[in-house]
């Protein structure tokens, strides 16, 4: 992770930690006063944001470590692992909320909402959405996937608070509103968990090269060499900011080793400059059928 990217991760992490701890105590107090399980659950959701932000800082620090003998491609995947941990935390919180919602509905007890609950919920909505916007902005600036994961964590907290605010007003007429809202919040958190985990696990397991990017590379190779070299068999491996690309090219069998080496080196330098990937190219003798 470069220094500029690291800066955005650090700032977002600390802002999130401080803000979420303050919001947790405020929302938990309002939930106890009003007797709302949905508001208390929302408070714990906010606290998990603080935990996830600590993970953001740790992941950002680890991913910034340079390559070494044991990790020749660097530590860039640490940010993906940290994002996966955030996703797992969200899944655990969602499951716990579903159990709490079920217990609330079975007890047939309504929340005693008042002005305190309304004011605290509005404060939470504004604060969490502001934090989400800042995290998304930092993600666009740095392209750190861990910031995008944290931004969605903030956004789900803001949306859950909006639902709770609606429920506060409706709760005066329907005893089951509080339990239902707690269940809705749980589903929202669970969906956010699924979105994060599906994306980050895919990045960790490996992805195919974008077909459009392959076509762009082929086009640039043709422009560079002014000849067709039948470039194919693309594989890409991502390690945070660092990306490795391997591919094959077909060259005339009678071409000298030095000429083959020079062509491969030219292509590798072009790919590094234009596509920001370290390429390794495997040359093959040109099949006469292809040549014809």
C-alpha atoms as a PDB file:
ATOM      1  CA  UNK A   1       0.000   0.000   0.000  1.00  0.00           C
ATOM      2  CA  UNK A   2       1.526   3.323  -1.063  1.00  0.00           C
ATOM      3  CA  UNK A   3       1.887   6.264   1.331  1.00  0.00           C
ATOM      4  CA  UNK A   4      -1.003   8.248  -0.174  1.00  0.00           C
ATOM      5  CA  UNK A   5      -3.363   5.273   0.057  1.00  0.00           C
ATOM      6  CA  UNK A   6      -2.171   4.529   3.589  1.00  0.00           C
ATOM      7  CA  UNK A   7      -2.951   8.108   4.628  1.00  0.00           C
ATOM      8  CA  UNK A   8      -6.610   7.802   3.593  1.00  0.00           C
ATOM      9  CA  UNK A   9      -6.951   4.473   5.406  1.00  0.00           C
ATOM     10  CA  UNK A  10      -5.466   5.866   8.634  1.00  0.00           C
ATOM     11  CA  UNK A  11      -7.614   9.002   8.675  1.00  0.00           C
ATOM     12  CA  UNK A  12     -10.831   7.124   7.901  1.00  0.00           C
ATOM     13  CA  UNK A  13     -10.021   4.507  10.506  1.00  0.00           C
ATOM     14  CA  UNK A  14      -9.460   6.926  13.388  1.00  0.00           C
ATOM     15  CA  UNK A  15     -12.445   9.146  12.511  1.00  0.00           C
ATOM     16  CA  UNK A  16     -14.629   6.040  12.411  1.00  0.00           C
ATOM     17  CA  UNK A  17     -13.372   4.656  15.727  1.00  0.00           C
ATOM     18  CA  UNK A  18     -13.907   7.867  17.705  1.00  0.00           C
ATOM     19  CA  UNK A  19     -17.290   8.691  16.156  1.00  0.00           C
ATOM     20  CA  UNK A  20     -18.676   5.167  16.538  1.00  0.00           C
ATOM     21  CA  UNK A  21     -17.694   4.823  20.187  1.00  0.00           C
ATOM     22  CA  UNK A  22     -19.474   8.083  21.005  1.00  0.00           C
ATOM     23  CA  UNK A  23     -22.541   7.021  19.006  1.00  0.00           C
ATOM     24  CA  UNK A  24     -22.610   3.602  20.656  1.00  0.00           C
ATOM     25  CA  UNK A  25     -22.938   5.016  24.172  1.00  0.00           C
ATOM     26  CA  UNK A  26     -25.516   7.558  23.019  1.00  0.00           C
ATOM     27  CA  UNK A  27     -27.683   5.001  21.188  1.00  0.00           C
ATOM     28  CA  UNK A  28     -27.361   2.322  23.847  1.00  0.00           C
ATOM     29  CA  UNK A  29     -28.458   4.797  26.538  1.00  0.00           C
ATOM     30  CA  UNK A  30     -31.443   5.864  24.404  1.00  0.00           C
ATOM     31  CA  UNK A  31     -32.343   2.207  23.790  1.00  0.00           C
ATOM     32  CA  UNK A  32     -32.293   1.367  27.509  1.00  0.00           C
ATOM     33  CA  UNK A  33     -34.374   4.433  28.372  1.00  0.00           C
ATOM     34  CA  UNK A  34     -36.962   3.672  25.686  1.00  0.00           C
ATOM     35  CA  UNK A  35     -36.879  -0.113  26.133  1.00  0.00           C
ATOM     36  CA  UNK A  36     -36.306  -0.576  22.390  1.00  0.00           C
ATOM     37  CA  UNK A  37     -34.479  -3.751  21.373  1.00  0.00           C
ATOM     38  CA  UNK A  38     -34.133  -2.349  17.848  1.00  0.00           C
ATOM     39  CA  UNK A  39     -32.326   0.746  19.127  1.00  0.00           C
ATOM     40  CA  UNK A  40     -30.077  -1.335  21.408  1.00  0.00           C
ATOM     41  CA  UNK A  41     -29.296  -3.668  18.501  1.00  0.00           C
ATOM     42  CA  UNK A  42     -28.526  -0.633  16.358  1.00  0.00           C
ATOM     43  CA  UNK A  43     -26.132   0.566  19.078  1.00  0.00           C
ATOM     44  CA  UNK A  44     -24.226  -2.722  18.977  1.00  0.00           C
ATOM     45  CA  UNK A  45     -24.144  -2.465  15.195  1.00  0.00           C
ATOM     46  CA  UNK A  46     -22.440   0.888  15.651  1.00  0.00           C
ATOM     47  CA  UNK A  47     -19.910  -0.611  18.042  1.00  0.00           C
ATOM     48  CA  UNK A  48     -18.989  -3.267  15.483  1.00  0.00           C
ATOM     49  CA  UNK A  49     -18.128  -0.355  13.192  1.00  0.00           C
ATOM     50  CA  UNK A  50     -15.460   0.638  15.701  1.00  0.00           C
ATOM     51  CA  UNK A  51     -14.115  -2.906  15.740  1.00  0.00           C
ATOM     52  CA  UNK A  52     -14.091  -3.010  11.942  1.00  0.00           C
ATOM     53  CA  UNK A  53     -12.269   0.322  11.842  1.00  0.00           C
ATOM     54  CA  UNK A  54      -9.555  -1.099  14.099  1.00  0.00           C
ATOM     55  CA  UNK A  55      -9.280  -3.920  11.571  1.00  0.00           C
ATOM     56  CA  UNK A  56      -9.073  -1.291   8.806  1.00  0.00           C
ATOM     57  CA  UNK A  57      -6.059   0.267  10.531  1.00  0.00           C
ATOM     58  CA  UNK A  58      -4.378  -3.086  11.131  1.00  0.00           C
ATOM     59  CA  UNK A  59      -5.069  -4.248   7.570  1.00  0.00           C
ATOM     60  CA  UNK A  60      -3.785  -0.963   6.165  1.00  0.00           C
ATOM     61  CA  UNK A  61      -0.578  -1.212   8.183  1.00  0.00           C
ATOM     62  CA  UNK A  62       0.060  -4.845   7.198  1.00  0.00           C
ATOM     63  CA  UNK A  63      -0.658  -4.296   3.498  1.00  0.00           C
ATOM     64  CA  UNK A  64       1.891  -1.459   3.452  1.00  0.00           C
ATOM     65  CA  UNK A  65       4.756  -3.757   4.443  1.00  0.00           C
ATOM     66  CA  UNK A  66       7.229  -4.280   1.588  1.00  0.00           C
ATOM     67  CA  UNK A  67       7.891  -7.599  -0.094  1.00  0.00           C
ATOM     68  CA  UNK A  68      10.228 -10.010   1.693  1.00  0.00           C
ATOM     69  CA  UNK A  69      11.570 -13.533   1.228  1.00  0.00           C
ATOM     70  CA  UNK A  70       8.400 -15.137   2.575  1.00  0.00           C
ATOM     71  CA  UNK A  71       6.079 -12.751   0.722  1.00  0.00           C
ATOM     72  CA  UNK A  72       7.769 -11.932  -2.605  1.00  0.00           C
ATOM     73  CA  UNK A  73       4.683 -10.146  -3.944  1.00  0.00           C
ATOM     74  CA  UNK A  74       4.216  -7.950  -0.883  1.00  0.00           C
ATOM     75  CA  UNK A  75       1.442  -7.929   1.723  1.00  0.00           C
ATOM     76  CA  UNK A  76      -1.292  -6.258  -0.358  1.00  0.00           C
ATOM     77  CA  UNK A  77      -3.831  -9.035   0.233  1.00  0.00           C
ATOM     78  CA  UNK A  78      -3.894  -8.130   3.938  1.00  0.00           C
ATOM     79  CA  UNK A  79      -6.514  -5.482   3.148  1.00  0.00           C
ATOM     80  CA  UNK A  80      -8.728  -8.120   1.496  1.00  0.00           C
ATOM     81  CA  UNK A  81      -8.356 -10.385   4.533  1.00  0.00           C
ATOM     82  CA  UNK A  82      -9.268  -7.462   6.813  1.00  0.00           C
ATOM     83  CA  UNK A  83     -12.361  -6.765   4.694  1.00  0.00           C
ATOM     84  CA  UNK A  84     -13.362 -10.440   4.995  1.00  0.00           C
ATOM     85  CA  UNK A  85     -13.104 -10.163   8.798  1.00  0.00           C
ATOM     86  CA  UNK A  86     -15.424  -7.139   8.662  1.00  0.00           C
ATOM     87  CA  UNK A  87     -17.895  -9.168   6.597  1.00  0.00           C
ATOM     88  CA  UNK A  88     -17.814 -12.043   9.094  1.00  0.00           C
ATOM     89  CA  UNK A  89     -18.393  -9.631  11.989  1.00  0.00           C
ATOM     90  CA  UNK A  90     -21.431  -8.237  10.191  1.00  0.00           C
ATOM     91  CA  UNK A  91     -22.796 -11.756   9.677  1.00  0.00           C
ATOM     92  CA  UNK A  92     -22.435 -12.544  13.384  1.00  0.00           C
ATOM     93  CA  UNK A  93     -24.156  -9.301  14.373  1.00  0.00           C
ATOM     94  CA  UNK A  94     -26.997  -9.959  11.896  1.00  0.00           C
ATOM     95  CA  UNK A  95     -27.608 -13.436  13.348  1.00  0.00           C
ATOM     96  CA  UNK A  96     -27.648 -12.070  16.893  1.00  0.00           C
ATOM     97  CA  UNK A  97     -30.160  -9.375  15.914  1.00  0.00           C
ATOM     98  CA  UNK A  98     -32.487 -11.962  14.374  1.00  0.00           C
ATOM     99  CA  UNK A  99     -32.559 -13.901  17.646  1.00  0.00           C
ATOM    100  CA  UNK A 100     -33.224 -10.686  19.606  1.00  0.00           C
ATOM    101  CA  UNK A 101     -36.006  -9.716  17.203  1.00  0.00           C
ATOM    102  CA  UNK A 102     -37.648 -13.123  17.597  1.00  0.00           C
ATOM    103  CA  UNK A 103     -37.503 -12.891  21.394  1.00  0.00           C
ATOM    104  CA  UNK A 104     -39.006  -9.398  21.272  1.00  0.00           C
ATOM    105  CA  UNK A 105     -41.905 -10.524  19.099  1.00  0.00           C
ATOM    106  CA  UNK A 106     -42.593 -13.535  21.295  1.00  0.00           C
ATOM    107  CA  UNK A 107     -42.695 -11.349  24.419  1.00  0.00           C
ATOM    108  CA  UNK A 108     -45.325  -9.055  22.795  1.00  0.00           C
ATOM    109  CA  UNK A 109     -43.754  -6.033  24.527  1.00  0.00           C
ATOM    110  CA  UNK A 110     -43.766  -2.610  22.879  1.00  0.00           C
ATOM    111  CA  UNK A 111     -40.980  -0.047  23.175  1.00  0.00           C
ATOM    112  CA  UNK A 112     -41.588   3.136  25.173  1.00  0.00           C
ATOM    113  CA  UNK A 113     -40.298   5.617  22.603  1.00  0.00           C
ATOM    114  CA  UNK A 114     -39.942   9.285  23.430  1.00  0.00           C
ATOM    115  CA  UNK A 115     -38.178  12.481  22.417  1.00  0.00           C
ATOM    116  CA  UNK A 116     -34.767  11.137  23.467  1.00  0.00           C
ATOM    117  CA  UNK A 117     -35.014   8.194  21.096  1.00  0.00           C
ATOM    118  CA  UNK A 118     -36.062  10.446  18.216  1.00  0.00           C
ATOM    119  CA  UNK A 119     -33.237  12.969  18.717  1.00  0.00           C
ATOM    120  CA  UNK A 120     -30.548  10.307  19.163  1.00  0.00           C
ATOM    121  CA  UNK A 121     -31.720   8.403  16.081  1.00  0.00           C
ATOM    122  CA  UNK A 122     -31.626  11.553  13.927  1.00  0.00           C
ATOM    123  CA  UNK A 123     -28.103  12.325  15.188  1.00  0.00           C
ATOM    124  CA  UNK A 124     -27.086   8.777  14.292  1.00  0.00           C
ATOM    125  CA  UNK A 125     -28.531   9.012  10.753  1.00  0.00           C
ATOM    126  CA  UNK A 126     -26.725  12.260   9.938  1.00  0.00           C
ATOM    127  CA  UNK A 127     -23.414  11.221  11.512  1.00  0.00           C
ATOM    128  CA  UNK A 128     -23.276   7.751   9.971  1.00  0.00           C
ATOM    129  CA  UNK A 129     -24.201   8.937   6.489  1.00  0.00           C
ATOM    130  CA  UNK A 130     -21.508  11.629   6.717  1.00  0.00           C
ATOM    131  CA  UNK A 131     -18.998   8.937   7.712  1.00  0.00           C
ATOM    132  CA  UNK A 132     -20.134   6.719   4.821  1.00  0.00           C
ATOM    133  CA  UNK A 133     -19.729   9.571   2.347  1.00  0.00           C
ATOM    134  CA  UNK A 134     -16.235  10.292   3.656  1.00  0.00           C
ATOM    135  CA  UNK A 135     -15.227   6.609   3.434  1.00  0.00           C
ATOM    136  CA  UNK A 136     -16.569   6.322  -0.133  1.00  0.00           C
ATOM    137  CA  UNK A 137     -14.673   9.500  -1.063  1.00  0.00           C
ATOM    138  CA  UNK A 138     -11.483   8.096   0.471  1.00  0.00           C
ATOM    139  CA  UNK A 139     -12.049   4.829  -1.433  1.00  0.00           C
ATOM    140  CA  UNK A 140     -12.367   6.687  -4.750  1.00  0.00           C
ATOM    141  CA  UNK A 141      -9.160   8.578  -3.985  1.00  0.00           C
ATOM    142  CA  UNK A 142      -7.148   5.556  -2.835  1.00  0.00           C
ATOM    143  CA  UNK A 143      -8.891   2.537  -4.447  1.00  0.00           C
ATOM    144  CA  UNK A 144      -8.477   0.680  -1.124  1.00  0.00           C
ATOM    145  CA  UNK A 145     -11.168  -2.017  -1.043  1.00  0.00           C
ATOM    146  CA  UNK A 146     -11.071  -2.049   2.740  1.00  0.00           C
ATOM    147  CA  UNK A 147     -12.408   1.539   2.777  1.00  0.00           C
ATOM    148  CA  UNK A 148     -15.296   0.566   0.523  1.00  0.00           C
ATOM    149  CA  UNK A 149     -16.175  -2.259   2.918  1.00  0.00           C
ATOM    150  CA  UNK A 150     -16.071   0.138   5.876  1.00  0.00           C
ATOM    151  CA  UNK A 151     -18.174   2.687   3.958  1.00  0.00           C
ATOM    152  CA  UNK A 152     -20.929   0.110   3.420  1.00  0.00           C
ATOM    153  CA  UNK A 153     -20.737  -0.720   7.098  1.00  0.00           C
ATOM    154  CA  UNK A 154     -21.442   2.953   7.895  1.00  0.00           C
ATOM    155  CA  UNK A 155     -24.184   3.111   5.257  1.00  0.00           C
ATOM    156  CA  UNK A 156     -26.051   0.094   6.644  1.00  0.00           C
ATOM    157  CA  UNK A 157     -25.945   1.666  10.096  1.00  0.00           C
ATOM    158  CA  UNK A 158     -27.401   4.895   8.708  1.00  0.00           C
ATOM    159  CA  UNK A 159     -30.170   3.041   6.842  1.00  0.00           C
ATOM    160  CA  UNK A 160     -31.019   0.943   9.865  1.00  0.00           C
ATOM    161  CA  UNK A 161     -31.366   4.132  11.919  1.00  0.00           C
ATOM    162  CA  UNK A 162     -33.759   5.554   9.322  1.00  0.00           C
ATOM    163  CA  UNK A 163     -35.919   2.438   9.612  1.00  0.00           C
ATOM    164  CA  UNK A 164     -35.848   2.703  13.401  1.00  0.00           C
ATOM    165  CA  UNK A 165     -36.887   6.372  13.212  1.00  0.00           C
ATOM    166  CA  UNK A 166     -39.908   5.399  11.138  1.00  0.00           C
ATOM    167  CA  UNK A 167     -40.681   2.671  13.625  1.00  0.00           C
ATOM    168  CA  UNK A 168     -40.510   5.072  16.552  1.00  0.00           C
ATOM    169  CA  UNK A 169     -43.487   6.965  15.198  1.00  0.00           C
ATOM    170  CA  UNK A 170     -45.369   3.823  14.124  1.00  0.00           C
ATOM    171  CA  UNK A 171     -44.585   2.082  17.416  1.00  0.00           C
ATOM    172  CA  UNK A 172     -47.151   4.183  19.217  1.00  0.00           C
ATOM    173  CA  UNK A 173     -49.866   2.282  17.375  1.00  0.00           C
ATOM    174  CA  UNK A 174     -48.421  -1.230  16.875  1.00  0.00           C
ATOM    175  CA  UNK A 175     -46.720  -3.215  19.645  1.00  0.00           C
ATOM    176  CA  UNK A 176     -44.860  -5.476  17.207  1.00  0.00           C
ATOM    177  CA  UNK A 177     -43.074  -2.648  15.329  1.00  0.00           C
ATOM    178  CA  UNK A 178     -39.929  -2.758  17.503  1.00  0.00           C
ATOM    179  CA  UNK A 179     -39.369  -6.485  16.996  1.00  0.00           C
ATOM    180  CA  UNK A 180     -40.075  -6.241  13.282  1.00  0.00           C
ATOM    181  CA  UNK A 181     -37.632  -3.358  12.878  1.00  0.00           C
ATOM    182  CA  UNK A 182     -34.917  -5.289  14.692  1.00  0.00           C
ATOM    183  CA  UNK A 183     -35.444  -8.134  12.221  1.00  0.00           C
ATOM    184  CA  UNK A 184     -35.306  -5.744   9.230  1.00  0.00           C
ATOM    185  CA  UNK A 185     -32.046  -4.249  10.542  1.00  0.00           C
ATOM    186  CA  UNK A 186     -30.633  -7.775  10.859  1.00  0.00           C
ATOM    187  CA  UNK A 187     -31.520  -8.577   7.237  1.00  0.00           C
ATOM    188  CA  UNK A 188     -29.876  -5.350   6.040  1.00  0.00           C
ATOM    189  CA  UNK A 189     -26.699  -6.100   7.948  1.00  0.00           C
ATOM    190  CA  UNK A 190     -26.704  -9.664   6.641  1.00  0.00           C
ATOM    191  CA  UNK A 191     -26.986  -8.405   3.063  1.00  0.00           C
ATOM    192  CA  UNK A 192     -24.072  -6.016   3.584  1.00  0.00           C
ATOM    193  CA  UNK A 193     -22.070  -8.953   4.930  1.00  0.00           C
ATOM    194  CA  UNK A 194     -22.871 -11.017   1.833  1.00  0.00           C
ATOM    195  CA  UNK A 195     -21.859  -8.192  -0.512  1.00  0.00           C
ATOM    196  CA  UNK A 196     -18.496  -7.697   1.211  1.00  0.00           C
ATOM    197  CA  UNK A 197     -17.655 -11.382   1.571  1.00  0.00           C
ATOM    198  CA  UNK A 198     -18.606 -12.337  -1.991  1.00  0.00           C
ATOM    199  CA  UNK A 199     -16.403  -9.601  -3.447  1.00  0.00           C
ATOM    200  CA  UNK A 200     -13.388 -10.034  -1.177  1.00  0.00           C
ATOM    201  CA  UNK A 201     -13.328 -13.845  -1.243  1.00  0.00           C
ATOM    202  CA  UNK A 202     -13.454 -13.677  -5.025  1.00  0.00           C
ATOM    203  CA  UNK A 203     -10.412 -11.369  -4.982  1.00  0.00           C
ATOM    204  CA  UNK A 204      -8.530 -13.722  -2.643  1.00  0.00           C
ATOM    205  CA  UNK A 205      -9.302 -16.849  -4.678  1.00  0.00           C
ATOM    206  CA  UNK A 206      -8.324 -15.170  -7.929  1.00  0.00           C
ATOM    207  CA  UNK A 207     -10.201 -13.698 -10.885  1.00  0.00           C
ATOM    208  CA  UNK A 208      -9.992 -13.990 -14.649  1.00  0.00           C
ATOM    209  CA  UNK A 209      -8.494 -11.064 -16.524  1.00  0.00           C
ATOM    210  CA  UNK A 210     -11.144  -8.646 -17.765  1.00  0.00           C
ATOM    211  CA  UNK A 211     -11.843  -9.572 -21.435  1.00  0.00           C
ATOM    212  CA  UNK A 212     -11.920  -5.886 -22.381  1.00  0.00           C
ATOM    213  CA  UNK A 213      -8.514  -5.388 -20.772  1.00  0.00           C
ATOM    214  CA  UNK A 214      -7.147  -8.370 -22.728  1.00  0.00           C
ATOM    215  CA  UNK A 215      -8.311  -6.791 -25.974  1.00  0.00           C
ATOM    216  CA  UNK A 216      -6.685  -3.484 -25.012  1.00  0.00           C
ATOM    217  CA  UNK A 217      -3.400  -5.264 -24.244  1.00  0.00           C
ATOM    218  CA  UNK A 218      -3.503  -7.079 -27.601  1.00  0.00           C
ATOM    219  CA  UNK A 219      -4.153  -3.807 -29.377  1.00  0.00           C
ATOM    220  CA  UNK A 220      -1.258  -2.079 -27.619  1.00  0.00           C
ATOM    221  CA  UNK A 221       1.072  -5.004 -28.397  1.00  0.00           C
ATOM    222  CA  UNK A 222       0.189  -4.769 -32.087  1.00  0.00           C
ATOM    223  CA  UNK A 223       0.804  -1.002 -32.062  1.00  0.00           C
ATOM    224  CA  UNK A 224       4.122  -1.523 -30.272  1.00  0.00           C
ATOM    225  CA  UNK A 225       5.516  -4.274 -32.512  1.00  0.00           C
ATOM    226  CA  UNK A 226       3.579  -3.481 -35.706  1.00  0.00           C
ATOM    227  CA  UNK A 227       3.081  -7.223 -36.158  1.00  0.00           C
ATOM    228  CA  UNK A 228       0.830 -10.013 -34.868  1.00  0.00           C
ATOM    229  CA  UNK A 229       2.444 -12.146 -32.142  1.00  0.00           C
ATOM    230  CA  UNK A 230      -0.638 -14.214 -31.179  1.00  0.00           C
ATOM    231  CA  UNK A 231      -0.654 -13.250 -27.509  1.00  0.00           C
ATOM    232  CA  UNK A 232      -2.880 -15.532 -25.427  1.00  0.00           C
ATOM    233  CA  UNK A 233      -3.274 -17.609 -22.234  1.00  0.00           C
ATOM    234  CA  UNK A 234      -3.668 -14.669 -19.822  1.00  0.00           C
ATOM    235  CA  UNK A 235      -3.576 -15.121 -16.043  1.00  0.00           C
ATOM    236  CA  UNK A 236      -3.656 -12.374 -13.433  1.00  0.00           C
ATOM    237  CA  UNK A 237      -2.836 -12.412  -9.718  1.00  0.00           C
ATOM    238  CA  UNK A 238      -3.648  -9.418  -7.522  1.00  0.00           C
ATOM    239  CA  UNK A 239      -1.875  -8.563  -4.280  1.00  0.00           C
ATOM    240  CA  UNK A 240      -3.524  -5.313  -3.217  1.00  0.00           C
ATOM    241  CA  UNK A 241      -1.867  -2.573  -5.294  1.00  0.00           C
ATOM    242  CA  UNK A 242       0.533  -5.059  -6.868  1.00  0.00           C
ATOM    243  CA  UNK A 243      -0.711  -7.062  -9.855  1.00  0.00           C
ATOM    244  CA  UNK A 244       1.088  -9.877 -11.721  1.00  0.00           C
ATOM    245  CA  UNK A 245       0.163 -10.867 -15.282  1.00  0.00           C
ATOM    246  CA  UNK A 246       1.390 -13.900 -17.219  1.00  0.00           C
ATOM    247  CA  UNK A 247       0.688 -14.725 -20.854  1.00  0.00           C
ATOM    248  CA  UNK A 248       2.041 -16.596 -23.884  1.00  0.00           C
ATOM    249  CA  UNK A 249       3.081 -15.270 -27.299  1.00  0.00           C
ATOM    250  CA  UNK A 250       3.861 -17.120 -30.540  1.00  0.00           C
ATOM    251  CA  UNK A 251       6.953 -16.051 -32.497  1.00  0.00           C
ATOM    252  CA  UNK A 252       8.688 -17.524 -35.570  1.00  0.00           C
ATOM    253  CA  UNK A 253      10.685 -20.635 -34.668  1.00  0.00           C
ATOM    254  CA  UNK A 254      13.734 -19.391 -36.582  1.00  0.00           C
ATOM    255  CA  UNK A 255      13.917 -16.129 -34.575  1.00  0.00           C
ATOM    256  CA  UNK A 256      17.042 -15.770 -32.437  1.00  0.00           C
ATOM    257  CA  UNK A 257      16.837 -16.049 -28.661  1.00  0.00           C
ATOM    258  CA  UNK A 258      18.072 -12.479 -28.340  1.00  0.00           C
ATOM    259  CA  UNK A 259      15.294 -11.147 -30.592  1.00  0.00           C
ATOM    260  CA  UNK A 260      12.685 -13.147 -28.687  1.00  0.00           C
ATOM    261  CA  UNK A 261      13.998 -11.771 -25.415  1.00  0.00           C
ATOM    262  CA  UNK A 262      13.907  -8.194 -26.719  1.00  0.00           C
ATOM    263  CA  UNK A 263      10.303  -8.534 -27.904  1.00  0.00           C
ATOM    264  CA  UNK A 264       9.185 -10.005 -24.574  1.00  0.00           C
ATOM    265  CA  UNK A 265      10.960  -7.230 -22.679  1.00  0.00           C
ATOM    266  CA  UNK A 266       9.325  -4.516 -24.798  1.00  0.00           C
ATOM    267  CA  UNK A 267       5.874  -5.967 -24.165  1.00  0.00           C
ATOM    268  CA  UNK A 268       6.507  -6.343 -20.426  1.00  0.00           C
ATOM    269  CA  UNK A 269       7.651  -2.713 -20.130  1.00  0.00           C
ATOM    270  CA  UNK A 270       4.617  -1.503 -22.082  1.00  0.00           C
ATOM    271  CA  UNK A 271       2.201  -3.480 -19.891  1.00  0.00           C
ATOM    272  CA  UNK A 272       3.845  -2.142 -16.731  1.00  0.00           C
ATOM    273  CA  UNK A 273       3.680   1.456 -17.988  1.00  0.00           C
ATOM    274  CA  UNK A 274       0.165   1.433 -19.451  1.00  0.00           C
ATOM    275  CA  UNK A 275      -1.637  -1.201 -17.380  1.00  0.00           C
ATOM    276  CA  UNK A 276       0.314  -1.074 -14.073  1.00  0.00           C
ATOM    277  CA  UNK A 277       0.936  -4.834 -14.061  1.00  0.00           C
ATOM    278  CA  UNK A 278       4.188  -6.773 -13.788  1.00  0.00           C
ATOM    279  CA  UNK A 279       4.087  -9.128 -16.758  1.00  0.00           C
ATOM    280  CA  UNK A 280       5.856 -12.429 -17.354  1.00  0.00           C
ATOM    281  CA  UNK A 281       5.717 -13.584 -20.980  1.00  0.00           C
ATOM    282  CA  UNK A 282       6.281 -17.144 -22.174  1.00  0.00           C
ATOM    283  CA  UNK A 283       7.315 -17.364 -25.868  1.00  0.00           C
ATOM    284  CA  UNK A 284       6.270 -20.303 -28.057  1.00  0.00           C
ATOM    285  CA  UNK A 285       7.289 -21.299 -31.603  1.00  0.00           C
ATOM    286  CA  UNK A 286       4.794 -20.165 -34.195  1.00  0.00           C
ATOM    287  CA  UNK A 287       2.735 -23.054 -35.563  1.00  0.00           C
ATOM    288  CA  UNK A 288       2.768 -23.136 -39.361  1.00  0.00           C
ATOM    289  CA  UNK A 289      -1.015 -23.615 -39.454  1.00  0.00           C
ATOM    290  CA  UNK A 290      -1.511 -20.416 -37.483  1.00  0.00           C
ATOM    291  CA  UNK A 291       1.048 -18.653 -39.621  1.00  0.00           C
ATOM    292  CA  UNK A 292      -0.814 -19.596 -42.752  1.00  0.00           C
END
